[in-house]
Amino acid sequence: MKYTNEMEKGLLRAHGVCYEVYKRKLNVRMEVEKRREMDHLLCKQLSANFDGRLHC
């Protein structure tokens, strides 16, 4: 996968890590991925709550 400048900016803004550090250090990569997973689950939960309120 080709890594773009926009992807670099997003990773840096969201997680404070540049791609080179993310790529080289396993512990940094694992922390970023944990945060991504937690964010995904939270967004999924918020979306489900919001959808439930719309259909009442």
Protein backbone atom coordinates (compact mmCIF):
# COMPACT_ATOMS: atom_id res chain seq x y z
CA MET A 1 0.00 0.00 0.00
CA LYS A 2 1.33 3.40 -0.91
CA TYR A 3 1.32 5.76 2.05
CA THR A 4 0.09 9.24 1.12
CA ASN A 5 0.79 12.64 2.61
CA GLU A 6 -2.84 12.89 3.77
CA MET A 7 -2.50 9.59 5.61
CA GLU A 8 0.65 10.90 7.32
CA LYS A 9 -1.15 14.07 8.42
CA GLY A 10 -4.12 12.09 9.74
CA LEU A 11 -1.95 9.72 11.75
CA LEU A 12 0.04 12.60 13.16
CA ARG A 13 -3.05 14.64 14.11
CA ALA A 14 -5.05 11.76 15.56
CA HIS A 15 -2.28 9.91 17.36
CA GLY A 16 0.72 12.22 17.50
CA VAL A 17 2.93 9.73 15.66
CA CYS A 18 4.53 9.97 12.25
CA TYR A 19 4.34 6.97 9.93
CA GLU A 20 8.03 6.14 10.18
CA VAL A 21 7.77 5.69 13.96
CA TYR A 22 4.47 3.81 13.57
CA LYS A 23 6.08 1.46 11.03
CA ARG A 24 9.28 0.79 13.02
CA LYS A 25 8.06 0.43 16.61
CA LEU A 26 5.69 -2.39 17.49
CA ASN A 27 4.67 -0.93 20.85
CA VAL A 28 3.67 2.38 19.22
CA ARG A 29 1.73 0.54 16.52
CA MET A 30 -0.11 -1.54 19.13
CA GLU A 31 -1.12 1.55 21.12
CA VAL A 32 -2.38 3.32 18.00
CA GLU A 33 -4.37 0.25 16.97
CA LYS A 34 -5.87 -0.08 20.47
CA ARG A 35 -7.01 3.54 20.32
CA ARG A 36 -8.45 3.02 16.84
CA GLU A 37 -10.39 -0.03 18.01
CA MET A 38 -11.75 1.80 21.06
CA ASP A 39 -12.74 4.76 18.90
CA HIS A 40 -14.46 2.45 16.43
CA LEU A 41 -16.45 0.71 19.20
CA LEU A 42 -17.45 4.03 20.76
CA CYS A 43 -18.62 5.42 17.42
CA LYS A 44 -20.57 2.24 16.73
CA GLN A 45 -22.27 2.48 20.13
CA LEU A 46 -23.09 6.17 19.68
CA SER A 47 -24.51 5.47 16.24
CA ALA A 48 -26.73 2.68 17.59
CA ASN A 49 -27.98 4.95 20.38
CA PHE A 50 -28.67 7.75 17.92
CA ASP A 51 -30.52 5.42 15.52
CA GLY A 52 -32.67 4.14 18.38
CA ARG A 53 -33.73 7.65 19.29
CA LEU A 54 -34.59 8.55 15.69
CA HIS A 55 -37.11 5.73 15.29
CA CYS A 56 -39.08 6.41 18.49
